[in-house]
Amino acid sequence: MPTVVERFVDWMVSWLPMYEEAKLLLIIYLWHPSTRGAGHVYDGFPHLLVAWHEADIDRGLLKLRARARDVTASQLKAAAAIGQVWLVEAARCVPSQLQDAISGREGATH
């Protein structure tokens, strides 16, 4: 969302003199610890919005965590099944390759 807003604002006001410099100063103000700019901006609007919807956000995070746990468990089971099939196939191939190697040596020595 901030990227969309930034692109729209850039398109609208990039013709203003010293726009890029003002944008740089705003970024420094928001970033630098001594100005606490990001804290001031957050305390103004987003903090109120987050506090207003805190219960909904917490419920959504709990649902997301549960879904992530379920998906991870199912992906691990699928990976284990694939690994098991691969190991069985590898075990089948190894004895036949060894047998071929042994019979090839015997044929070469006789």
PDB file of N, CA and C in Angstrom:
ATOM      1  N   MET A   1       0.806  -1.197   0.000  1.00  0.00           N
ATOM      2  CA  MET A   1       0.000   0.000   0.000  1.00  0.00           C
ATOM      3  C   MET A   1       0.861   1.277   0.000  1.00  0.00           C
ATOM      4  N   PRO A   2       1.905   1.361   0.842  1.00  0.00           N
ATOM      5  CA  PRO A   2       2.729   2.579   0.793  1.00  0.00           C
ATOM      6  C   PRO A   2       3.379   2.800  -0.576  1.00  0.00           C
ATOM      7  N   THR A   3       3.747   1.733  -1.262  1.00  0.00           N
ATOM      8  CA  THR A   3       4.362   1.878  -2.579  1.00  0.00           C
ATOM      9  C   THR A   3       3.373   2.463  -3.573  1.00  0.00           C
ATOM     10  N   VAL A   4       2.118   2.009  -3.504  1.00  0.00           N
ATOM     11  CA  VAL A   4       1.088   2.541  -4.396  1.00  0.00           C
ATOM     12  C   VAL A   4       0.878   4.026  -4.130  1.00  0.00           C
ATOM     13  N   VAL A   5       0.795   4.382  -2.857  1.00  0.00           N
ATOM     14  CA  VAL A   5       0.612   5.788  -2.488  1.00  0.00           C
ATOM     15  C   VAL A   5       1.807   6.612  -2.957  1.00  0.00           C
ATOM     16  N   GLU A   6       2.999   6.084  -2.736  1.00  0.00           N
ATOM     17  CA  GLU A   6       4.207   6.819  -3.134  1.00  0.00           C
ATOM     18  C   GLU A   6       4.243   7.047  -4.640  1.00  0.00           C
ATOM     19  N   ARG A   7       3.913   6.034  -5.405  1.00  0.00           N
ATOM     20  CA  ARG A   7       3.929   6.199  -6.862  1.00  0.00           C
ATOM     21  C   ARG A   7       2.897   7.224  -7.316  1.00  0.00           C
ATOM     22  N   PHE A   8       1.730   7.196  -6.712  1.00  0.00           N
ATOM     23  CA  PHE A   8       0.695   8.155  -7.076  1.00  0.00           C
ATOM     24  C   PHE A   8       1.129   9.578  -6.716  1.00  0.00           C
ATOM     25  N   VAL A   9       1.676   9.742  -5.503  1.00  0.00           N
ATOM     26  CA  VAL A   9       2.124  11.071  -5.079  1.00  0.00           C
ATOM     27  C   VAL A   9       3.286  11.527  -5.956  1.00  0.00           C
ATOM     28  N   ASP A  10       4.218  10.629  -6.256  1.00  0.00           N
ATOM     29  CA  ASP A  10       5.325  10.988  -7.149  1.00  0.00           C
ATOM     30  C   ASP A  10       4.803  11.481  -8.488  1.00  0.00           C
ATOM     31  N   TRP A  11       3.826  10.801  -9.024  1.00  0.00           N
ATOM     32  CA  TRP A  11       3.264  11.179 -10.321  1.00  0.00           C
ATOM     33  C   TRP A  11       2.584  12.542 -10.255  1.00  0.00           C
ATOM     34  N   MET A  12       1.938  12.808  -9.118  1.00  0.00           N
ATOM     35  CA  MET A  12       1.181  14.052  -8.992  1.00  0.00           C
ATOM     36  C   MET A  12       2.069  15.278  -8.718  1.00  0.00           C
ATOM     37  N   VAL A  13       3.096  15.129  -7.895  1.00  0.00           N
ATOM     38  CA  VAL A  13       3.832  16.311  -7.438  1.00  0.00           C
ATOM     39  C   VAL A  13       5.324  16.301  -7.788  1.00  0.00           C
ATOM     40  N   SER A  14       5.754  15.376  -8.618  1.00  0.00           N
ATOM     41  CA  SER A  14       7.186  15.316  -8.931  1.00  0.00           C
ATOM     42  C   SER A  14       7.657  16.537  -9.719  1.00  0.00           C
ATOM     43  N   TRP A  15       6.762  17.301 -10.263  1.00  0.00           N
ATOM     44  CA  TRP A  15       7.125  18.503 -11.002  1.00  0.00           C
ATOM     45  C   TRP A  15       7.499  19.669 -10.083  1.00  0.00           C
ATOM     46  N   LEU A  16       7.165  19.571  -8.793  1.00  0.00           N
ATOM     47  CA  LEU A  16       7.483  20.656  -7.858  1.00  0.00           C
ATOM     48  C   LEU A  16       8.986  20.791  -7.678  1.00  0.00           C
ATOM     49  N   PRO A  17       9.471  22.015  -7.572  1.00  0.00           N
ATOM     50  CA  PRO A  17      10.904  22.198  -7.315  1.00  0.00           C
ATOM     51  C   PRO A  17      11.288  21.633  -5.949  1.00  0.00           C
ATOM     52  N   MET A  18      12.427  21.011  -5.892  1.00  0.00           N
ATOM     53  CA  MET A  18      12.985  20.449  -4.653  1.00  0.00           C
ATOM     54  C   MET A  18      12.139  19.307  -4.088  1.00  0.00           C
ATOM     55  N   TYR A  19      11.324  18.681  -4.920  1.00  0.00           N
ATOM     56  CA  TYR A  19      10.486  17.576  -4.443  1.00  0.00           C
ATOM     57  C   TYR A  19      11.347  16.408  -3.968  1.00  0.00           C
ATOM     58  N   GLU A  20      12.332  16.013  -4.758  1.00  0.00           N
ATOM     59  CA  GLU A  20      13.194  14.890  -4.396  1.00  0.00           C
ATOM     60  C   GLU A  20      13.945  15.163  -3.092  1.00  0.00           C
ATOM     61  N   GLU A  21      14.398  16.385  -2.889  1.00  0.00           N
ATOM     62  CA  GLU A  21      15.103  16.740  -1.662  1.00  0.00           C
ATOM     63  C   GLU A  21      14.167  16.684  -0.460  1.00  0.00           C
ATOM     64  N   ALA A  22      12.949  17.172  -0.637  1.00  0.00           N
ATOM     65  CA  ALA A  22      11.967  17.119   0.453  1.00  0.00           C
ATOM     66  C   ALA A  22      11.619  15.674   0.790  1.00  0.00           C
ATOM     67  N   LYS A  23      11.522  14.843  -0.224  1.00  0.00           N
ATOM     68  CA  LYS A  23      11.233  13.422  -0.006  1.00  0.00           C
ATOM     69  C   LYS A  23      12.376  12.764   0.771  1.00  0.00           C
ATOM     70  N   LEU A  24      13.613  13.095   0.415  1.00  0.00           N
ATOM     71  CA  LEU A  24      14.770  12.568   1.130  1.00  0.00           C
ATOM     72  C   LEU A  24      14.761  13.015   2.592  1.00  0.00           C
ATOM     73  N   LEU A  25      14.457  14.291   2.840  1.00  0.00           N
ATOM     74  CA  LEU A  25      14.387  14.783   4.216  1.00  0.00           C
ATOM     75  C   LEU A  25      13.296  14.066   5.010  1.00  0.00           C
ATOM     76  N   LEU A  26      12.162  13.803   4.380  1.00  0.00           N
ATOM     77  CA  LEU A  26      11.089  13.056   5.052  1.00  0.00           C
ATOM     78  C   LEU A  26      11.544  11.652   5.418  1.00  0.00           C
ATOM     79  N   ILE A  27      12.230  10.989   4.508  1.00  0.00           N
ATOM     80  CA  ILE A  27      12.724   9.632   4.790  1.00  0.00           C
ATOM     81  C   ILE A  27      13.726   9.661   5.930  1.00  0.00           C
ATOM     82  N   ILE A  28      14.625  10.635   5.937  1.00  0.00           N
ATOM     83  CA  ILE A  28      15.600  10.751   7.034  1.00  0.00           C
ATOM     84  C   ILE A  28      14.879  11.021   8.348  1.00  0.00           C
ATOM     85  N   TYR A  29      13.878  11.896   8.326  1.00  0.00           N
ATOM     86  CA  TYR A  29      13.101  12.200   9.529  1.00  0.00           C
ATOM     87  C   TYR A  29      12.427  10.939  10.069  1.00  0.00           C
ATOM     88  N   LEU A  30      11.854  10.148   9.189  1.00  0.00           N
ATOM     89  CA  LEU A  30      11.179   8.925   9.633  1.00  0.00           C
ATOM     90  C   LEU A  30      12.175   7.879  10.125  1.00  0.00           C
ATOM     91  N   TRP A  31      13.350   7.817   9.524  1.00  0.00           N
ATOM     92  CA  TRP A  31      14.316   6.778   9.816  1.00  0.00           C
ATOM     93  C   TRP A  31      15.207   7.070  11.028  1.00  0.00           C
ATOM     94  N   HIS A  32      15.631   8.290  11.187  1.00  0.00           N
ATOM     95  CA  HIS A  32      16.662   8.597  12.188  1.00  0.00           C
ATOM     96  C   HIS A  32      16.113   8.464  13.608  1.00  0.00           C
ATOM     97  N   PRO A  33      16.836   7.754  14.487  1.00  0.00           N
ATOM     98  CA  PRO A  33      16.358   7.519  15.852  1.00  0.00           C
ATOM     99  C   PRO A  33      16.195   8.787  16.688  1.00  0.00           C
ATOM    100  N   SER A  34      17.018   9.787  16.468  1.00  0.00           N
ATOM    101  CA  SER A  34      16.936  10.984  17.319  1.00  0.00           C
ATOM    102  C   SER A  34      15.677  11.805  17.042  1.00  0.00           C
ATOM    103  N   THR A  35      15.113  11.698  15.843  1.00  0.00           N
ATOM    104  CA  THR A  35      13.897  12.475  15.546  1.00  0.00           C
ATOM    105  C   THR A  35      12.623  11.745  15.961  1.00  0.00           C
ATOM    106  N   ARG A  36      12.704  10.426  16.087  1.00  0.00           N
ATOM    107  CA  ARG A  36      11.538   9.595  16.421  1.00  0.00           C
ATOM    108  C   ARG A  36      10.368   9.895  15.482  1.00  0.00           C
ATOM    109  N   GLY A  37      10.687  10.188  14.215  1.00  0.00           N
ATOM    110  CA  GLY A  37       9.675  10.547  13.233  1.00  0.00           C
ATOM    111  C   GLY A  37       8.677   9.441  12.973  1.00  0.00           C
ATOM    112  N   ALA A  38       9.161   8.221  12.827  1.00  0.00           N
ATOM    113  CA  ALA A  38       8.251   7.101  12.571  1.00  0.00           C
ATOM    114  C   ALA A  38       7.311   6.901  13.756  1.00  0.00           C
ATOM    115  N   GLY A  39       7.814   7.098  14.956  1.00  0.00           N
ATOM    116  CA  GLY A  39       6.963   6.983  16.147  1.00  0.00           C
ATOM    117  C   GLY A  39       5.876   8.039  16.175  1.00  0.00           C
ATOM    118  N   HIS A  40       6.229   9.259  15.812  1.00  0.00           N
ATOM    119  CA  HIS A  40       5.233  10.332  15.779  1.00  0.00           C
ATOM    120  C   HIS A  40       4.148  10.058  14.732  1.00  0.00           C
ATOM    121  N   VAL A  41       4.583   9.600  13.565  1.00  0.00           N
ATOM    122  CA  VAL A  41       3.618   9.297  12.508  1.00  0.00           C
ATOM    123  C   VAL A  41       2.731   8.122  12.926  1.00  0.00           C
ATOM    124  N   TYR A  42       3.344   7.077  13.507  1.00  0.00           N
ATOM    125  CA  TYR A  42       2.566   5.900  13.935  1.00  0.00           C
ATOM    126  C   TYR A  42       1.575   6.267  15.028  1.00  0.00           C
ATOM    127  N   ASP A  43       2.002   7.077  15.987  1.00  0.00           N
ATOM    128  CA  ASP A  43       1.101   7.469  17.075  1.00  0.00           C
ATOM    129  C   ASP A  43      -0.073   8.300  16.580  1.00  0.00           C
ATOM    130  N   GLY A  44       0.095   8.952  15.457  1.00  0.00           N
ATOM    131  CA  GLY A  44      -0.969   9.805  14.932  1.00  0.00           C
ATOM    132  C   GLY A  44      -2.162   9.042  14.409  1.00  0.00           C
ATOM    133  N   PHE A  45      -1.960   8.123  13.474  1.00  0.00           N
ATOM    134  CA  PHE A  45      -3.105   7.444  12.872  1.00  0.00           C
ATOM    135  C   PHE A  45      -3.039   5.921  12.947  1.00  0.00           C
ATOM    136  N   PRO A  46      -1.969   5.271  12.472  1.00  0.00           N
ATOM    137  CA  PRO A  46      -1.973   3.805  12.453  1.00  0.00           C
ATOM    138  C   PRO A  46      -2.165   3.173  13.826  1.00  0.00           C
ATOM    139  N   HIS A  47      -1.615   3.786  14.865  1.00  0.00           N
ATOM    140  CA  HIS A  47      -1.763   3.225  16.212  1.00  0.00           C
ATOM    141  C   HIS A  47      -3.237   3.155  16.605  1.00  0.00           C
ATOM    142  N   LEU A  48      -3.981   4.217  16.321  1.00  0.00           N
ATOM    143  CA  LEU A  48      -5.414   4.217  16.638  1.00  0.00           C
ATOM    144  C   LEU A  48      -6.156   3.159  15.842  1.00  0.00           C
ATOM    145  N   LEU A  49      -5.807   3.013  14.572  1.00  0.00           N
ATOM    146  CA  LEU A  49      -6.443   2.018  13.722  1.00  0.00           C
ATOM    147  C   LEU A  49      -6.141   0.603  14.204  1.00  0.00           C
ATOM    148  N   VAL A  50      -4.879   0.347  14.546  1.00  0.00           N
ATOM    149  CA  VAL A  50      -4.492  -0.976  15.039  1.00  0.00           C
ATOM    150  C   VAL A  50      -5.169  -1.254  16.378  1.00  0.00           C
ATOM    151  N   ALA A  51      -5.197  -0.279  17.278  1.00  0.00           N
ATOM    152  CA  ALA A  51      -5.827  -0.476  18.586  1.00  0.00           C
ATOM    153  C   ALA A  51      -7.321  -0.754  18.431  1.00  0.00           C
ATOM    154  N   TRP A  52      -7.948  -0.089  17.481  1.00  0.00           N
ATOM    155  CA  TRP A  52      -9.387  -0.268  17.255  1.00  0.00           C
ATOM    156  C   TRP A  52      -9.697  -1.691  16.782  1.00  0.00           C
ATOM    157  N   HIS A  53      -8.820  -2.272  15.976  1.00  0.00           N
ATOM    158  CA  HIS A  53      -9.044  -3.601  15.390  1.00  0.00           C
ATOM    159  C   HIS A  53      -8.144  -4.673  16.002  1.00  0.00           C
ATOM    160  N   GLU A  54      -7.632  -4.440  17.185  1.00  0.00           N
ATOM    161  CA  GLU A  54      -6.668  -5.354  17.788  1.00  0.00           C
ATOM    162  C   GLU A  54      -7.219  -6.766  17.949  1.00  0.00           C
ATOM    163  N   ALA A  55      -8.442  -6.894  18.404  1.00  0.00           N
ATOM    164  CA  ALA A  55      -9.032  -8.230  18.602  1.00  0.00           C
ATOM    165  C   ALA A  55      -9.147  -8.974  17.275  1.00  0.00           C
ATOM    166  N   ASP A  56      -9.581  -8.274  16.229  1.00  0.00           N
ATOM    167  CA  ASP A  56      -9.695  -8.908  14.907  1.00  0.00           C
ATOM    168  C   ASP A  56      -8.329  -9.330  14.378  1.00  0.00           C
ATOM    169  N   ILE A  57      -7.340  -8.490  14.592  1.00  0.00           N
ATOM    170  CA  ILE A  57      -5.978  -8.799  14.145  1.00  0.00           C
ATOM    171  C   ILE A  57      -5.449 -10.021  14.883  1.00  0.00           C
ATOM    172  N   ASP A  58      -5.662 -10.071  16.194  1.00  0.00           N
ATOM    173  CA  ASP A  58      -5.201 -11.225  16.979  1.00  0.00           C
ATOM    174  C   ASP A  58      -5.878 -12.512  16.530  1.00  0.00           C
ATOM    175  N   ARG A  59      -7.201 -12.452  16.279  1.00  0.00           N
ATOM    176  CA  ARG A  59      -7.913 -13.640  15.797  1.00  0.00           C
ATOM    177  C   ARG A  59      -7.365 -14.077  14.442  1.00  0.00           C
ATOM    178  N   GLY A  60      -7.135 -13.124  13.564  1.00  0.00           N
ATOM    179  CA  GLY A  60      -6.591 -13.456  12.251  1.00  0.00           C
ATOM    180  C   GLY A  60      -5.206 -14.076  12.337  1.00  0.00           C
ATOM    181  N   LEU A  61      -4.380 -13.570  13.233  1.00  0.00           N
ATOM    182  CA  LEU A  61      -3.039 -14.137  13.402  1.00  0.00           C
ATOM    183  C   LEU A  61      -3.095 -15.554  13.953  1.00  0.00           C
ATOM    184  N   LEU A  62      -4.014 -15.803  14.884  1.00  0.00           N
ATOM    185  CA  LEU A  62      -4.163 -17.161  15.415  1.00  0.00           C
ATOM    186  C   LEU A  62      -4.631 -18.134  14.336  1.00  0.00           C
ATOM    187  N   LYS A  63      -5.575 -17.695  13.500  1.00  0.00           N
ATOM    188  CA  LYS A  63      -6.030 -18.544  12.388  1.00  0.00           C
ATOM    189  C   LYS A  63      -4.902 -18.797  11.405  1.00  0.00           C
ATOM    190  N   LEU A  64      -4.139 -17.765  11.110  1.00  0.00           N
ATOM    191  CA  LEU A  64      -3.020 -17.902  10.193  1.00  0.00           C
ATOM    192  C   LEU A  64      -1.966 -18.858  10.751  1.00  0.00           C
ATOM    193  N   ARG A  65      -1.698 -18.756  12.030  1.00  0.00           N
ATOM    194  CA  ARG A  65      -0.728 -19.651  12.661  1.00  0.00           C
ATOM    195  C   ARG A  65      -1.194 -21.098  12.589  1.00  0.00           C
ATOM    196  N   ALA A  66      -2.495 -21.331  12.845  1.00  0.00           N
ATOM    197  CA  ALA A  66      -3.034 -22.683  12.775  1.00  0.00           C
ATOM    198  C   ALA A  66      -2.966 -23.232  11.352  1.00  0.00           C
ATOM    199  N   ARG A  67      -3.303 -22.387  10.369  1.00  0.00           N
ATOM    200  CA  ARG A  67      -3.232 -22.828   8.967  1.00  0.00           C
ATOM    201  C   ARG A  67      -1.792 -23.124   8.565  1.00  0.00           C
ATOM    202  N   ALA A  68      -0.867 -22.287   9.010  1.00  0.00           N
ATOM    203  CA  ALA A  68       0.544 -22.512   8.687  1.00  0.00           C
ATOM    204  C   ALA A  68       1.029 -23.816   9.297  1.00  0.00           C
ATOM    205  N   ARG A  69       0.596 -24.108  10.508  1.00  0.00           N
ATOM    206  CA  ARG A  69       0.980 -25.359  11.169  1.00  0.00           C
ATOM    207  C   ARG A  69       0.424 -26.554  10.391  1.00  0.00           C
ATOM    208  N   ASP A  70      -0.845 -26.469   9.958  1.00  0.00           N
ATOM    209  CA  ASP A  70      -1.454 -27.558   9.198  1.00  0.00           C
ATOM    210  C   ASP A  70      -0.757 -27.762   7.857  1.00  0.00           C
ATOM    211  N   VAL A  71      -0.470 -26.674   7.169  1.00  0.00           N
ATOM    212  CA  VAL A  71       0.195 -26.766   5.869  1.00  0.00           C
ATOM    213  C   VAL A  71       1.594 -27.329   6.040  1.00  0.00           C
ATOM    214  N   THR A  72       2.304 -26.876   7.055  1.00  0.00           N
ATOM    215  CA  THR A  72       3.654 -27.379   7.294  1.00  0.00           C
ATOM    216  C   THR A  72       3.628 -28.868   7.590  1.00  0.00           C
ATOM    217  N   ALA A  73       2.684 -29.308   8.423  1.00  0.00           N
ATOM    218  CA  ALA A  73       2.582 -30.732   8.758  1.00  0.00           C
ATOM    219  C   ALA A  73       2.276 -31.548   7.508  1.00  0.00           C
ATOM    220  N   SER A  74       1.340 -31.088   6.684  1.00  0.00           N
ATOM    221  CA  SER A  74       1.002 -31.850   5.478  1.00  0.00           C
ATOM    222  C   SER A  74       2.170 -31.857   4.492  1.00  0.00           C
ATOM    223  N   GLN A  75       2.903 -30.741   4.393  1.00  0.00           N
ATOM    224  CA  GLN A  75       4.062 -30.703   3.496  1.00  0.00           C
ATOM    225  C   GLN A  75       5.166 -31.634   3.990  1.00  0.00           C
ATOM    226  N   LEU A  76       5.364 -31.700   5.301  1.00  0.00           N
ATOM    227  CA  LEU A  76       6.371 -32.617   5.846  1.00  0.00           C
ATOM    228  C   LEU A  76       5.985 -34.065   5.606  1.00  0.00           C
ATOM    229  N   LYS A  77       4.696 -34.379   5.745  1.00  0.00           N
ATOM    230  CA  LYS A  77       4.237 -35.742   5.474  1.00  0.00           C
ATOM    231  C   LYS A  77       4.456 -36.097   4.011  1.00  0.00           C
ATOM    232  N   ALA A  78       4.127 -35.157   3.113  1.00  0.00           N
ATOM    233  CA  ALA A  78       4.327 -35.407   1.683  1.00  0.00           C
ATOM    234  C   ALA A  78       5.805 -35.578   1.369  1.00  0.00           C
ATOM    235  N   ALA A  79       6.648 -34.756   1.955  1.00  0.00           N
ATOM    236  CA  ALA A  79       8.094 -34.870   1.727  1.00  0.00           C
ATOM    237  C   ALA A  79       8.627 -36.193   2.258  1.00  0.00           C
ATOM    238  N   ALA A  80       8.119 -36.622   3.407  1.00  0.00           N
ATOM    239  CA  ALA A  80       8.547 -37.899   3.973  1.00  0.00           C
ATOM    240  C   ALA A  80       8.130 -39.050   3.066  1.00  0.00           C
ATOM    241  N   ALA A  81       6.921 -38.974   2.520  1.00  0.00           N
ATOM    242  CA  ALA A  81       6.458 -40.027   1.618  1.00  0.00           C
ATOM    243  C   ALA A  81       7.307 -40.072   0.358  1.00  0.00           C
ATOM    244  N   ILE A  82       7.630 -38.910  -0.187  1.00  0.00           N
ATOM    245  CA  ILE A  82       8.474 -38.860  -1.386  1.00  0.00           C
ATOM    246  C   ILE A  82       9.862 -39.396  -1.069  1.00  0.00           C
ATOM    247  N   GLY A  83      10.390 -38.995   0.083  1.00  0.00           N
ATOM    248  CA  GLY A  83      11.703 -39.492   0.489  1.00  0.00           C
ATOM    249  C   GLY A  83      11.719 -40.990   0.677  1.00  0.00           C
ATOM    250  N   GLN A  84      10.642 -41.531   1.222  1.00  0.00           N
ATOM    251  CA  GLN A  84      10.548 -42.975   1.431  1.00  0.00           C
ATOM    252  C   GLN A  84      10.510 -43.699   0.086  1.00  0.00           C
ATOM    253  N   VAL A  85       9.731 -43.195  -0.859  1.00  0.00           N
ATOM    254  CA  VAL A  85       9.665 -43.802  -2.192  1.00  0.00           C
ATOM    255  C   VAL A  85      11.030 -43.729  -2.856  1.00  0.00           C
ATOM    256  N   TRP A  86      11.700 -42.598  -2.723  1.00  0.00           N
ATOM    257  CA  TRP A  86      13.022 -42.438  -3.332  1.00  0.00           C
ATOM    258  C   TRP A  86      14.016 -43.437  -2.744  1.00  0.00           C
ATOM    259  N   LEU A  87      13.967 -43.602  -1.431  1.00  0.00           N
ATOM    260  CA  LEU A  87      14.882 -44.548  -0.788  1.00  0.00           C
ATOM    261  C   LEU A  87      14.609 -45.980  -1.236  1.00  0.00           C
ATOM    262  N   VAL A  88      13.348 -46.347  -1.354  1.00  0.00           N
ATOM    263  CA  VAL A  88      13.006 -47.698  -1.807  1.00  0.00           C
ATOM    264  C   VAL A  88      13.499 -47.908  -3.231  1.00  0.00           C
ATOM    265  N   GLU A  89      13.288 -46.942  -4.103  1.00  0.00           N
ATOM    266  CA  GLU A  89      13.762 -47.050  -5.483  1.00  0.00           C
ATOM    267  C   GLU A  89      15.289 -47.109  -5.528  1.00  0.00           C
ATOM    268  N   ALA A  90      15.934 -46.307  -4.699  1.00  0.00           N
ATOM    269  CA  ALA A  90      17.403 -46.331  -4.664  1.00  0.00           C
ATOM    270  C   ALA A  90      17.900 -47.684  -4.177  1.00  0.00           C
ATOM    271  N   ALA A  91      17.210 -48.263  -3.191  1.00  0.00           N
ATOM    272  CA  ALA A  91      17.609 -49.577  -2.673  1.00  0.00           C
ATOM    273  C   ALA A  91      17.421 -50.648  -3.740  1.00  0.00           C
ATOM    274  N   ARG A  92      16.418 -50.511  -4.577  1.00  0.00           N
ATOM    275  CA  ARG A  92      16.205 -51.488  -5.657  1.00  0.00           C
ATOM    276  C   ARG A  92      17.286 -51.366  -6.732  1.00  0.00           C
ATOM    277  N   CYS A  93      17.702 -50.169  -7.008  1.00  0.00           N
ATOM    278  CA  CYS A  93      18.679 -49.941  -8.076  1.00  0.00           C
ATOM    279  C   CYS A  93      20.081 -50.371  -7.677  1.00  0.00           C
ATOM    280  N   VAL A  94      20.426 -50.208  -6.438  1.00  0.00           N
ATOM    281  CA  VAL A  94      21.794 -50.488  -5.997  1.00  0.00           C
ATOM    282  C   VAL A  94      22.148 -51.963  -6.168  1.00  0.00           C
ATOM    283  N   PRO A  95      21.323 -52.904  -5.715  1.00  0.00           N
ATOM    284  CA  PRO A  95      21.715 -54.310  -5.903  1.00  0.00           C
ATOM    285  C   PRO A  95      21.837 -54.698  -7.374  1.00  0.00           C
ATOM    286  N   SER A  96      20.953 -54.188  -8.243  1.00  0.00           N
ATOM    287  CA  SER A  96      21.053 -54.551  -9.664  1.00  0.00           C
ATOM    288  C   SER A  96      22.320 -53.948 -10.268  1.00  0.00           C
ATOM    289  N   GLN A  97      22.688 -52.757  -9.864  1.00  0.00           N
ATOM    290  CA  GLN A  97      23.916 -52.151 -10.376  1.00  0.00           C
ATOM    291  C   GLN A  97      25.140 -52.912  -9.871  1.00  0.00           C
ATOM    292  N   LEU A  98      25.080 -53.334  -8.600  1.00  0.00           N
ATOM    293  CA  LEU A  98      26.193 -54.132  -8.069  1.00  0.00           C
ATOM    294  C   LEU A  98      26.290 -55.463  -8.801  1.00  0.00           C
ATOM    295  N   GLN A  99      25.149 -56.088  -9.058  1.00  0.00           N
ATOM    296  CA  GLN A  99      25.134 -57.366  -9.773  1.00  0.00           C
ATOM    297  C   GLN A  99      25.705 -57.193 -11.168  1.00  0.00           C
ATOM    298  N   ASP A 100      25.319 -56.094 -11.848  1.00  0.00           N
ATOM    299  CA  ASP A 100      25.848 -55.829 -13.184  1.00  0.00           C
ATOM    300  C   ASP A 100      27.355 -55.606 -13.132  1.00  0.00           C
ATOM    301  N   ALA A 101      27.795 -54.882 -12.126  1.00  0.00           N
ATOM    302  CA  ALA A 101      29.235 -54.624 -12.003  1.00  0.00           C
ATOM    303  C   ALA A 101      30.005 -55.911 -11.738  1.00  0.00           C
ATOM    304  N   ILE A 102      29.437 -56.764 -10.879  1.00  0.00           N
ATOM    305  CA  ILE A 102      30.121 -58.033 -10.563  1.00  0.00           C
ATOM    306  C   ILE A 102      30.158 -58.937 -11.785  1.00  0.00           C
ATOM    307  N   SER A 103      29.033 -59.067 -12.472  1.00  0.00           N
ATOM    308  CA  SER A 103      28.994 -59.932 -13.654  1.00  0.00           C
ATOM    309  C   SER A 103      29.864 -59.352 -14.778  1.00  0.00           C
ATOM    310  N   GLY A 104      29.968 -58.044 -14.834  1.00  0.00           N
ATOM    311  CA  GLY A 104      30.831 -57.428 -15.847  1.00  0.00           C
ATOM    312  C   GLY A 104      32.281 -57.704 -15.573  1.00  0.00           C
ATOM    313  N   ARG A 105      32.670 -57.733 -14.330  1.00  0.00           N
ATOM    314  CA  ARG A 105      34.062 -58.030 -13.969  1.00  0.00           C
ATOM    315  C   ARG A 105      34.372 -59.499 -14.233  1.00  0.00           C
ATOM    316  N   GLU A 106      33.400 -60.354 -13.892  1.00  0.00           N
ATOM    317  CA  GLU A 106      33.646 -61.772 -14.099  1.00  0.00           C
ATOM    318  C   GLU A 106      33.797 -62.077 -15.578  1.00  0.00           C
ATOM    319  N   GLY A 107      32.968 -61.401 -16.403  1.00  0.00           N
ATOM    320  CA  GLY A 107      33.060 -61.637 -17.849  1.00  0.00           C
ATOM    321  C   GLY A 107      34.365 -61.102 -18.399  1.00  0.00           C
ATOM    322  N   ALA A 108      34.886 -60.051 -17.826  1.00  0.00           N
ATOM    323  CA  ALA A 108      36.129 -59.470 -18.316  1.00  0.00           C
ATOM    324  C   ALA A 108      37.318 -60.304 -17.915  1.00  0.00           C
ATOM    325  N   THR A 109      37.237 -61.021 -16.770  1.00  0.00           N
ATOM    326  CA  THR A 109      38.370 -61.807 -16.307  1.00  0.00           C
ATOM    327  C   THR A 109      38.426 -63.153 -16.991  1.00  0.00           C
ATOM    328  N   HIS A 110      37.353 -63.668 -17.507  1.00  0.00           N
ATOM    329  CA  HIS A 110      37.348 -64.994 -18.124  1.00  0.00           C
ATOM    330  C   HIS A 110      37.653 -64.950 -19.566  1.00  0.00           C
TER     331      HIS A 110
END
